Amino acid sequence: MAIYDSIGKQYKKTRIPDFRIVNKIIELLDLQQGSIIADIGAGTGGYAQAIANLGFSVYAVEPSSVMRTQACSTSQVKWFTGYAEALPLPDKSVDAVISILTIHHFSNLEKSFQEMYRITKSGKIVLLTFDIRLAQKIWLYDYFPWLRENALKFIPLNEIINLIEKNTQTHVESSPLTLPHDLSDLFAAAAWRRPELYLQPEVRAGISSFALADSNLVEAGVKSLTTDLSNGQWEAKYGEIRTYTEIDVGYRFLQATNR
């Protein structure tokens, strides 16, 4: 069973595609309107639909039936059931591939990158991923230290780039996604300036690292954060972060193009 069959039941409520991420993906793809883009690990289809609304056709590939049933059915987005390691699409059937905050869930990165390249006509692949090693430590990890520990288990960004280049005929460039303070897509570190959001069960349910974690560890962190927010300790220790408009916490776009 797909992971998100169990943790993705309310995913659409808090994982609302952010227009700045959509615009950056379109910029990196550099495709004409009408091009076909495959979205691997499309979830509930938020980004697939947002990109389709800009004049593209999207093939959304998602293994979780729970996620797929939350998607809106439109003529611009065609849905496929499948995994990144065995994409249900013919060779050279799309103009480009995207995959947004998903590759840490793939069971075989080498095979997944080979499959992405196989289905593209142009070799264009755009990924959004993260490497916590590239980021400064933020307050979130003081309350939920296992978030950082788990993130460090995922392979470093330079190794991901090497894997892509080794398993495709592409060159990969990396560019940072500095997180605005008002992101609509509430992934793990998105609420870095809004600590109150992490107290909401529905927000945590939409973040896989919370949803899959030991509930006792989560509740301990929530309790500590609740106390510090109510008594002013959080503000005293970390309040300066509320003056920032954006922050780099290790999220990166990877743009692969044919050599």
C-alpha atoms as a PDB file:
ATOM      1  CA  MET A   1       0.000   0.000   0.000  1.00  0.00           C
ATOM      2  CA  ALA A   2       1.267   3.474  -0.826  1.00  0.00           C
ATOM      3  CA  ILE A   3       2.395   5.513   2.194  1.00  0.00           C
ATOM      4  CA  TYR A   4      -0.066   8.256   1.367  1.00  0.00           C
ATOM      5  CA  ASP A   5      -3.024   5.891   1.469  1.00  0.00           C
ATOM      6  CA  SER A   6      -2.613   6.078   5.236  1.00  0.00           C
ATOM      7  CA  ILE A   7      -1.314   9.626   5.808  1.00  0.00           C
ATOM      8  CA  GLY A   8      -2.776  11.593   2.902  1.00  0.00           C
ATOM      9  CA  LYS A   9      -6.475  11.649   3.728  1.00  0.00           C
ATOM     10  CA  GLN A  10      -6.607  15.421   4.397  1.00  0.00           C
ATOM     11  CA  TYR A  11      -3.592  16.367   2.330  1.00  0.00           C
ATOM     12  CA  LYS A  12      -5.431  18.773   0.052  1.00  0.00           C
ATOM     13  CA  LYS A  13      -6.476  21.039   2.929  1.00  0.00           C
ATOM     14  CA  THR A  14      -2.971  22.251   3.757  1.00  0.00           C
ATOM     15  CA  ARG A  15      -0.837  21.437   0.712  1.00  0.00           C
ATOM     16  CA  ILE A  16      -2.088  24.210  -1.531  1.00  0.00           C
ATOM     17  CA  PRO A  17       0.279  24.884  -4.470  1.00  0.00           C
ATOM     18  CA  ASP A  18       2.242  28.088  -4.078  1.00  0.00           C
ATOM     19  CA  PHE A  19       2.266  30.345  -7.147  1.00  0.00           C
ATOM     20  CA  ARG A  20       5.960  31.182  -6.706  1.00  0.00           C
ATOM     21  CA  ILE A  21       6.934  27.527  -6.886  1.00  0.00           C
ATOM     22  CA  VAL A  22       4.697  27.050  -9.928  1.00  0.00           C
ATOM     23  CA  ASN A  23       6.246  30.055 -11.690  1.00  0.00           C
ATOM     24  CA  LYS A  24       9.783  28.863 -10.971  1.00  0.00           C
ATOM     25  CA  ILE A  25       9.043  25.404 -12.340  1.00  0.00           C
ATOM     26  CA  ILE A  26       7.642  26.922 -15.537  1.00  0.00           C
ATOM     27  CA  GLU A  27      10.715  29.152 -15.826  1.00  0.00           C
ATOM     28  CA  LEU A  28      13.101  26.210 -15.424  1.00  0.00           C
ATOM     29  CA  LEU A  29      11.183  24.045 -17.904  1.00  0.00           C
ATOM     30  CA  ASP A  30      11.242  26.759 -20.567  1.00  0.00           C
ATOM     31  CA  LEU A  31       8.594  25.053 -22.701  1.00  0.00           C
ATOM     32  CA  GLN A  32       5.998  26.337 -25.109  1.00  0.00           C
ATOM     33  CA  GLN A  33       2.373  26.277 -24.050  1.00  0.00           C
ATOM     34  CA  GLY A  34       0.701  23.062 -25.122  1.00  0.00           C
ATOM     35  CA  SER A  35       3.725  20.962 -24.145  1.00  0.00           C
ATOM     36  CA  ILE A  36       3.098  17.748 -22.209  1.00  0.00           C
ATOM     37  CA  ILE A  37       4.574  17.575 -18.713  1.00  0.00           C
ATOM     38  CA  ALA A  38       4.591  14.448 -16.546  1.00  0.00           C
ATOM     39  CA  ASP A  39       4.191  15.115 -12.814  1.00  0.00           C
ATOM     40  CA  ILE A  40       5.650  12.162 -10.899  1.00  0.00           C
ATOM     41  CA  GLY A  41       4.213  11.677  -7.426  1.00  0.00           C
ATOM     42  CA  ALA A  42       1.485  14.170  -8.236  1.00  0.00           C
ATOM     43  CA  GLY A  43      -0.377  13.694  -4.956  1.00  0.00           C
ATOM     44  CA  THR A  44      -3.759  15.390  -5.059  1.00  0.00           C
ATOM     45  CA  GLY A  45      -2.840  17.174  -8.277  1.00  0.00           C
ATOM     46  CA  GLY A  46      -2.465  20.711  -6.966  1.00  0.00           C
ATOM     47  CA  TYR A  47       0.693  21.522  -8.884  1.00  0.00           C
ATOM     48  CA  ALA A  48      -0.421  19.491 -11.899  1.00  0.00           C
ATOM     49  CA  GLN A  49      -3.586  21.574 -12.177  1.00  0.00           C
ATOM     50  CA  ALA A  50      -1.810  24.870 -11.500  1.00  0.00           C
ATOM     51  CA  ILE A  51       0.627  24.148 -14.322  1.00  0.00           C
ATOM     52  CA  ALA A  52      -2.170  22.973 -16.621  1.00  0.00           C
ATOM     53  CA  ASN A  53      -3.983  26.255 -15.962  1.00  0.00           C
ATOM     54  CA  LEU A  54      -1.015  28.050 -17.537  1.00  0.00           C
ATOM     55  CA  GLY A  55      -1.579  26.322 -20.855  1.00  0.00           C
ATOM     56  CA  PHE A  56       0.138  22.946 -20.532  1.00  0.00           C
ATOM     57  CA  SER A  57      -1.076  19.357 -20.675  1.00  0.00           C
ATOM     58  CA  VAL A  58      -0.115  17.318 -17.626  1.00  0.00           C
ATOM     59  CA  TYR A  59       0.164  13.576 -17.094  1.00  0.00           C
ATOM     60  CA  ALA A  60      -0.174  13.102 -13.335  1.00  0.00           C
ATOM     61  CA  VAL A  61       1.349   9.859 -12.015  1.00  0.00           C
ATOM     62  CA  GLU A  62       0.433   8.887  -8.447  1.00  0.00           C
ATOM     63  CA  PRO A  63       0.364   5.487  -6.685  1.00  0.00           C
ATOM     64  CA  SER A  64      -2.020   6.419  -3.855  1.00  0.00           C
ATOM     65  CA  SER A  65      -5.726   6.013  -4.533  1.00  0.00           C
ATOM     66  CA  VAL A  66      -6.461   8.167  -1.486  1.00  0.00           C
ATOM     67  CA  MET A  67      -4.512  11.025  -3.016  1.00  0.00           C
ATOM     68  CA  ARG A  68      -5.944  10.579  -6.501  1.00  0.00           C
ATOM     69  CA  THR A  69      -9.539  10.646  -5.263  1.00  0.00           C
ATOM     70  CA  GLN A  70      -8.967  14.124  -3.804  1.00  0.00           C
ATOM     71  CA  ALA A  71      -7.954  15.511  -7.195  1.00  0.00           C
ATOM     72  CA  CYS A  72     -10.281  17.529  -9.393  1.00  0.00           C
ATOM     73  CA  SER A  73     -10.955  15.906 -12.743  1.00  0.00           C
ATOM     74  CA  THR A  74     -10.191  18.241 -15.641  1.00  0.00           C
ATOM     75  CA  SER A  75      -9.488  17.810 -19.323  1.00  0.00           C
ATOM     76  CA  GLN A  76      -5.978  19.279 -18.993  1.00  0.00           C
ATOM     77  CA  VAL A  77      -4.749  16.721 -16.449  1.00  0.00           C
ATOM     78  CA  LYS A  78      -4.715  13.022 -17.270  1.00  0.00           C
ATOM     79  CA  TRP A  79      -4.195  10.654 -14.337  1.00  0.00           C
ATOM     80  CA  PHE A  80      -2.132   7.469 -14.218  1.00  0.00           C
ATOM     81  CA  THR A  81      -1.652   4.979 -11.420  1.00  0.00           C
ATOM     82  CA  GLY A  82       2.009   4.118 -11.003  1.00  0.00           C
ATOM     83  CA  TYR A  83       5.324   4.452  -9.247  1.00  0.00           C
ATOM     84  CA  ALA A  84       8.394   6.434 -10.244  1.00  0.00           C
ATOM     85  CA  GLU A  85      10.389   3.226 -10.576  1.00  0.00           C
ATOM     86  CA  ALA A  86       8.039   1.880 -13.283  1.00  0.00           C
ATOM     87  CA  LEU A  87       6.275   4.768 -14.967  1.00  0.00           C
ATOM     88  CA  PRO A  88       3.144   3.767 -16.913  1.00  0.00           C
ATOM     89  CA  LEU A  89       4.067   5.945 -19.891  1.00  0.00           C
ATOM     90  CA  PRO A  90       5.702   5.109 -23.247  1.00  0.00           C
ATOM     91  CA  ASP A  91       9.228   6.105 -24.237  1.00  0.00           C
ATOM     92  CA  LYS A  92       9.597   9.766 -25.255  1.00  0.00           C
ATOM     93  CA  SER A  93       5.926  10.456 -24.632  1.00  0.00           C
ATOM     94  CA  VAL A  94       6.281  13.772 -22.748  1.00  0.00           C
ATOM     95  CA  ASP A  95       8.198  17.000 -23.252  1.00  0.00           C
ATOM     96  CA  ALA A  96       9.434  17.181 -19.661  1.00  0.00           C
ATOM     97  CA  VAL A  97       9.141  15.656 -16.198  1.00  0.00           C
ATOM     98  CA  ILE A  98       8.624  17.343 -12.846  1.00  0.00           C
ATOM     99  CA  SER A  99       8.593  15.875  -9.345  1.00  0.00           C
ATOM    100  CA  ILE A 100       7.925  18.094  -6.347  1.00  0.00           C
ATOM    101  CA  LEU A 101       9.145  17.118  -2.862  1.00  0.00           C
ATOM    102  CA  THR A 102       8.778  13.425  -3.598  1.00  0.00           C
ATOM    103  CA  ILE A 103      12.113  11.756  -4.284  1.00  0.00           C
ATOM    104  CA  HIS A 104      12.821  11.090  -0.591  1.00  0.00           C
ATOM    105  CA  HIS A 105       9.935   8.600  -0.795  1.00  0.00           C
ATOM    106  CA  PHE A 106      11.216   6.725  -3.857  1.00  0.00           C
ATOM    107  CA  SER A 107      12.414   3.171  -3.213  1.00  0.00           C
ATOM    108  CA  ASN A 108      15.032   3.211  -5.984  1.00  0.00           C
ATOM    109  CA  LEU A 109      16.411   6.566  -7.082  1.00  0.00           C
ATOM    110  CA  GLU A 110      18.549   5.171  -9.892  1.00  0.00           C
ATOM    111  CA  LYS A 111      15.617   3.396 -11.526  1.00  0.00           C
ATOM    112  CA  SER A 112      13.350   6.409 -10.967  1.00  0.00           C
ATOM    113  CA  PHE A 113      15.753   8.769 -12.731  1.00  0.00           C
ATOM    114  CA  GLN A 114      16.190   6.283 -15.584  1.00  0.00           C
ATOM    115  CA  GLU A 115      12.408   6.116 -15.969  1.00  0.00           C
ATOM    116  CA  MET A 116      12.016   9.884 -15.924  1.00  0.00           C
ATOM    117  CA  TYR A 117      14.596  10.218 -18.660  1.00  0.00           C
ATOM    118  CA  ARG A 118      13.075   7.362 -20.666  1.00  0.00           C
ATOM    119  CA  ILE A 119       9.700   9.052 -21.035  1.00  0.00           C
ATOM    120  CA  THR A 120      11.033  12.486 -22.022  1.00  0.00           C
ATOM    121  CA  LYS A 121      11.605  13.647 -25.573  1.00  0.00           C
ATOM    122  CA  SER A 122      14.007  16.390 -24.539  1.00  0.00           C
ATOM    123  CA  GLY A 123      15.616  15.085 -21.349  1.00  0.00           C
ATOM    124  CA  LYS A 124      14.185  18.003 -19.378  1.00  0.00           C
ATOM    125  CA  ILE A 125      13.587  17.133 -15.733  1.00  0.00           C
ATOM    126  CA  VAL A 126      12.865  19.564 -12.902  1.00  0.00           C
ATOM    127  CA  LEU A 127      12.839  18.354  -9.303  1.00  0.00           C
ATOM    128  CA  LEU A 128      12.212  20.140  -6.034  1.00  0.00           C
ATOM    129  CA  THR A 129      13.991  18.455  -3.144  1.00  0.00           C
ATOM    130  CA  PHE A 130      15.977  19.376  -0.034  1.00  0.00           C
ATOM    131  CA  ASP A 131      19.260  18.857   1.745  1.00  0.00           C
ATOM    132  CA  ILE A 132      19.206  19.932   5.360  1.00  0.00           C
ATOM    133  CA  ARG A 133      23.013  19.995   5.378  1.00  0.00           C
ATOM    134  CA  LEU A 134      22.853  23.164   3.292  1.00  0.00           C
ATOM    135  CA  ALA A 135      20.680  24.989   5.797  1.00  0.00           C
ATOM    136  CA  GLN A 136      21.167  26.830   9.021  1.00  0.00           C
ATOM    137  CA  LYS A 137      19.557  25.213  12.040  1.00  0.00           C
ATOM    138  CA  ILE A 138      16.199  26.808  12.823  1.00  0.00           C
ATOM    139  CA  TRP A 139      13.986  26.756  15.918  1.00  0.00           C
ATOM    140  CA  LEU A 140      11.798  23.964  14.529  1.00  0.00           C
ATOM    141  CA  TYR A 141      14.498  21.392  15.246  1.00  0.00           C
ATOM    142  CA  ASP A 142      14.765  22.424  18.904  1.00  0.00           C
ATOM    143  CA  TYR A 143      11.180  21.238  19.452  1.00  0.00           C
ATOM    144  CA  PHE A 144      11.215  18.380  16.962  1.00  0.00           C
ATOM    145  CA  PRO A 145      14.878  17.226  16.808  1.00  0.00           C
ATOM    146  CA  TRP A 146      13.954  14.007  15.038  1.00  0.00           C
ATOM    147  CA  LEU A 147      12.927  16.078  11.992  1.00  0.00           C
ATOM    148  CA  ARG A 148      16.560  17.008  11.483  1.00  0.00           C
ATOM    149  CA  GLU A 149      17.813  13.529  12.348  1.00  0.00           C
ATOM    150  CA  ASN A 150      15.478  11.926   9.799  1.00  0.00           C
ATOM    151  CA  ALA A 151      16.346  14.492   7.123  1.00  0.00           C
ATOM    152  CA  LEU A 152      20.045  13.755   7.570  1.00  0.00           C
ATOM    153  CA  LYS A 153      19.355  10.125   6.619  1.00  0.00           C
ATOM    154  CA  PHE A 154      18.461  11.216   3.074  1.00  0.00           C
ATOM    155  CA  ILE A 155      21.424  11.349   0.727  1.00  0.00           C
ATOM    156  CA  PRO A 156      23.231  14.686   0.161  1.00  0.00           C
ATOM    157  CA  LEU A 157      22.299  16.910  -2.740  1.00  0.00           C
ATOM    158  CA  ASN A 158      25.600  16.405  -4.579  1.00  0.00           C
ATOM    159  CA  GLU A 159      25.005  12.640  -4.529  1.00  0.00           C
ATOM    160  CA  ILE A 160      21.501  13.116  -5.917  1.00  0.00           C
ATOM    161  CA  ILE A 161      22.933  15.230  -8.731  1.00  0.00           C
ATOM    162  CA  ASN A 162      25.548  12.572  -9.442  1.00  0.00           C
ATOM    163  CA  LEU A 163      22.873   9.870  -9.541  1.00  0.00           C
ATOM    164  CA  ILE A 164      20.775  11.839 -12.017  1.00  0.00           C
ATOM    165  CA  GLU A 165      23.723  12.510 -14.312  1.00  0.00           C
ATOM    166  CA  LYS A 166      24.939   8.921 -14.047  1.00  0.00           C
ATOM    167  CA  ASN A 167      21.537   7.425 -14.875  1.00  0.00           C
ATOM    168  CA  THR A 168      20.560   9.857 -17.620  1.00  0.00           C
ATOM    169  CA  GLN A 169      22.317  11.723 -20.375  1.00  0.00           C
ATOM    170  CA  THR A 170      21.797  15.070 -18.696  1.00  0.00           C
ATOM    171  CA  HIS A 171      23.652  17.858 -16.970  1.00  0.00           C
ATOM    172  CA  VAL A 172      22.109  19.028 -13.675  1.00  0.00           C
ATOM    173  CA  GLU A 173      22.115  22.502 -12.197  1.00  0.00           C
ATOM    174  CA  SER A 174      20.911  23.400  -8.705  1.00  0.00           C
ATOM    175  CA  SER A 175      19.196  26.595  -7.577  1.00  0.00           C
ATOM    176  CA  PRO A 176      17.850  27.480  -4.118  1.00  0.00           C
ATOM    177  CA  LEU A 177      14.228  27.864  -3.157  1.00  0.00           C
ATOM    178  CA  THR A 178      14.319  30.479  -0.425  1.00  0.00           C
ATOM    179  CA  LEU A 179      11.078  30.056   1.478  1.00  0.00           C
ATOM    180  CA  PRO A 180       8.810  33.123   1.669  1.00  0.00           C
ATOM    181  CA  HIS A 181       7.129  33.705   5.011  1.00  0.00           C
ATOM    182  CA  ASP A 182       3.647  33.211   3.573  1.00  0.00           C
ATOM    183  CA  LEU A 183       3.876  29.972   1.595  1.00  0.00           C
ATOM    184  CA  SER A 184       0.511  28.383   0.850  1.00  0.00           C
ATOM    185  CA  ASP A 185       2.012  24.896   0.482  1.00  0.00           C
ATOM    186  CA  LEU A 186       2.609  23.869   4.093  1.00  0.00           C
ATOM    187  CA  PHE A 187       5.412  21.328   3.700  1.00  0.00           C
ATOM    188  CA  ALA A 188       7.852  20.596   6.525  1.00  0.00           C
ATOM    189  CA  ALA A 189       9.623  23.941   7.025  1.00  0.00           C
ATOM    190  CA  ALA A 190       7.097  26.151   5.227  1.00  0.00           C
ATOM    191  CA  ALA A 191       5.702  27.668   8.440  1.00  0.00           C
ATOM    192  CA  TRP A 192       9.129  28.742   9.688  1.00  0.00           C
ATOM    193  CA  ARG A 193       7.746  32.196  10.648  1.00  0.00           C
ATOM    194  CA  ARG A 194       4.348  30.881  11.779  1.00  0.00           C
ATOM    195  CA  PRO A 195       5.069  28.486  14.676  1.00  0.00           C
ATOM    196  CA  GLU A 196       1.411  28.408  15.678  1.00  0.00           C
ATOM    197  CA  LEU A 197       0.615  26.398  12.568  1.00  0.00           C
ATOM    198  CA  TYR A 198       2.577  23.399  13.844  1.00  0.00           C
ATOM    199  CA  LEU A 199       0.113  23.133  16.710  1.00  0.00           C
ATOM    200  CA  GLN A 200      -2.667  22.295  14.248  1.00  0.00           C
ATOM    201  CA  PRO A 201      -3.172  18.536  13.715  1.00  0.00           C
ATOM    202  CA  GLU A 202      -4.333  19.054  10.121  1.00  0.00           C
ATOM    203  CA  VAL A 203      -1.113  20.902   9.270  1.00  0.00           C
ATOM    204  CA  ARG A 204       1.044  18.163  10.782  1.00  0.00           C
ATOM    205  CA  ALA A 205      -1.038  15.518   9.002  1.00  0.00           C
ATOM    206  CA  GLY A 206      -0.061  17.048   5.660  1.00  0.00           C
ATOM    207  CA  ILE A 207       3.664  16.760   6.406  1.00  0.00           C
ATOM    208  CA  SER A 208       4.941  13.225   5.921  1.00  0.00           C
ATOM    209  CA  SER A 209       7.779  13.598   8.429  1.00  0.00           C
ATOM    210  CA  PHE A 210       5.217  14.397  11.129  1.00  0.00           C
ATOM    211  CA  ALA A 211       2.574  11.944   9.975  1.00  0.00           C
ATOM    212  CA  LEU A 212       5.032   9.028   9.930  1.00  0.00           C
ATOM    213  CA  ALA A 213       6.803   9.912  13.179  1.00  0.00           C
ATOM    214  CA  ASP A 214       6.389   8.387  16.625  1.00  0.00           C
ATOM    215  CA  SER A 215       3.252  10.046  17.997  1.00  0.00           C
ATOM    216  CA  ASN A 216       4.800  10.363  21.465  1.00  0.00           C
ATOM    217  CA  LEU A 217       7.720  12.363  20.061  1.00  0.00           C
ATOM    218  CA  VAL A 218       5.351  14.583  18.092  1.00  0.00           C
ATOM    219  CA  GLU A 219       3.120  15.253  21.095  1.00  0.00           C
ATOM    220  CA  ALA A 220       6.103  16.049  23.318  1.00  0.00           C
ATOM    221  CA  GLY A 221       7.293  18.658  20.840  1.00  0.00           C
ATOM    222  CA  VAL A 222       3.804  20.111  20.401  1.00  0.00           C
ATOM    223  CA  LYS A 223       3.375  20.381  24.154  1.00  0.00           C
ATOM    224  CA  SER A 224       6.709  22.167  24.583  1.00  0.00           C
ATOM    225  CA  LEU A 225       6.005  24.528  21.685  1.00  0.00           C
ATOM    226  CA  THR A 226       2.515  25.290  23.020  1.00  0.00           C
ATOM    227  CA  THR A 227       3.946  26.164  26.423  1.00  0.00           C
ATOM    228  CA  ASP A 228       6.692  28.393  25.019  1.00  0.00           C
ATOM    229  CA  LEU A 229       4.314  30.234  22.710  1.00  0.00           C
ATOM    230  CA  SER A 230       1.878  30.895  25.549  1.00  0.00           C
ATOM    231  CA  ASN A 231       4.444  32.080  28.102  1.00  0.00           C
ATOM    232  CA  GLY A 232       6.545  34.164  25.714  1.00  0.00           C
ATOM    233  CA  GLN A 233       9.630  31.940  25.775  1.00  0.00           C
ATOM    234  CA  TRP A 234       9.435  31.201  22.043  1.00  0.00           C
ATOM    235  CA  GLU A 235       9.247  34.916  21.254  1.00  0.00           C
ATOM    236  CA  ALA A 236      12.161  35.679  23.546  1.00  0.00           C
ATOM    237  CA  LYS A 237      14.387  32.980  22.035  1.00  0.00           C
ATOM    238  CA  TYR A 238      13.390  33.036  18.387  1.00  0.00           C
ATOM    239  CA  GLY A 239      11.212  36.117  17.802  1.00  0.00           C
ATOM    240  CA  GLU A 240      13.796  37.788  15.578  1.00  0.00           C
ATOM    241  CA  ILE A 241      12.899  35.314  12.828  1.00  0.00           C
ATOM    242  CA  ARG A 242       9.542  37.077  12.483  1.00  0.00           C
ATOM    243  CA  THR A 243      11.413  40.045  10.976  1.00  0.00           C
ATOM    244  CA  TYR A 244      12.670  37.932   8.053  1.00  0.00           C
ATOM    245  CA  THR A 245      10.736  37.820   4.786  1.00  0.00           C
ATOM    246  CA  GLU A 246      12.423  34.683   3.447  1.00  0.00           C
ATOM    247  CA  ILE A 247      14.890  32.034   4.550  1.00  0.00           C
ATOM    248  CA  ASP A 248      17.088  29.333   3.043  1.00  0.00           C
ATOM    249  CA  VAL A 249      16.539  26.038   4.849  1.00  0.00           C
ATOM    250  CA  GLY A 250      17.985  23.715   2.244  1.00  0.00           C
ATOM    251  CA  TYR A 251      15.289  23.385  -0.417  1.00  0.00           C
ATOM    252  CA  ARG A 252      16.675  23.155  -3.938  1.00  0.00           C
ATOM    253  CA  PHE A 253      15.419  22.967  -7.516  1.00  0.00           C
ATOM    254  CA  LEU A 254      17.329  20.564  -9.724  1.00  0.00           C
ATOM    255  CA  GLN A 255      17.183  21.237 -13.459  1.00  0.00           C
ATOM    256  CA  ALA A 256      18.363  18.422 -15.730  1.00  0.00           C
ATOM    257  CA  THR A 257      18.886  19.040 -19.439  1.00  0.00           C
ATOM    258  CA  ASN A 258      20.449  16.954 -22.178  1.00  0.00           C
ATOM    259  CA  ARG A 259      24.208  17.247 -22.467  1.00  0.00           C
END
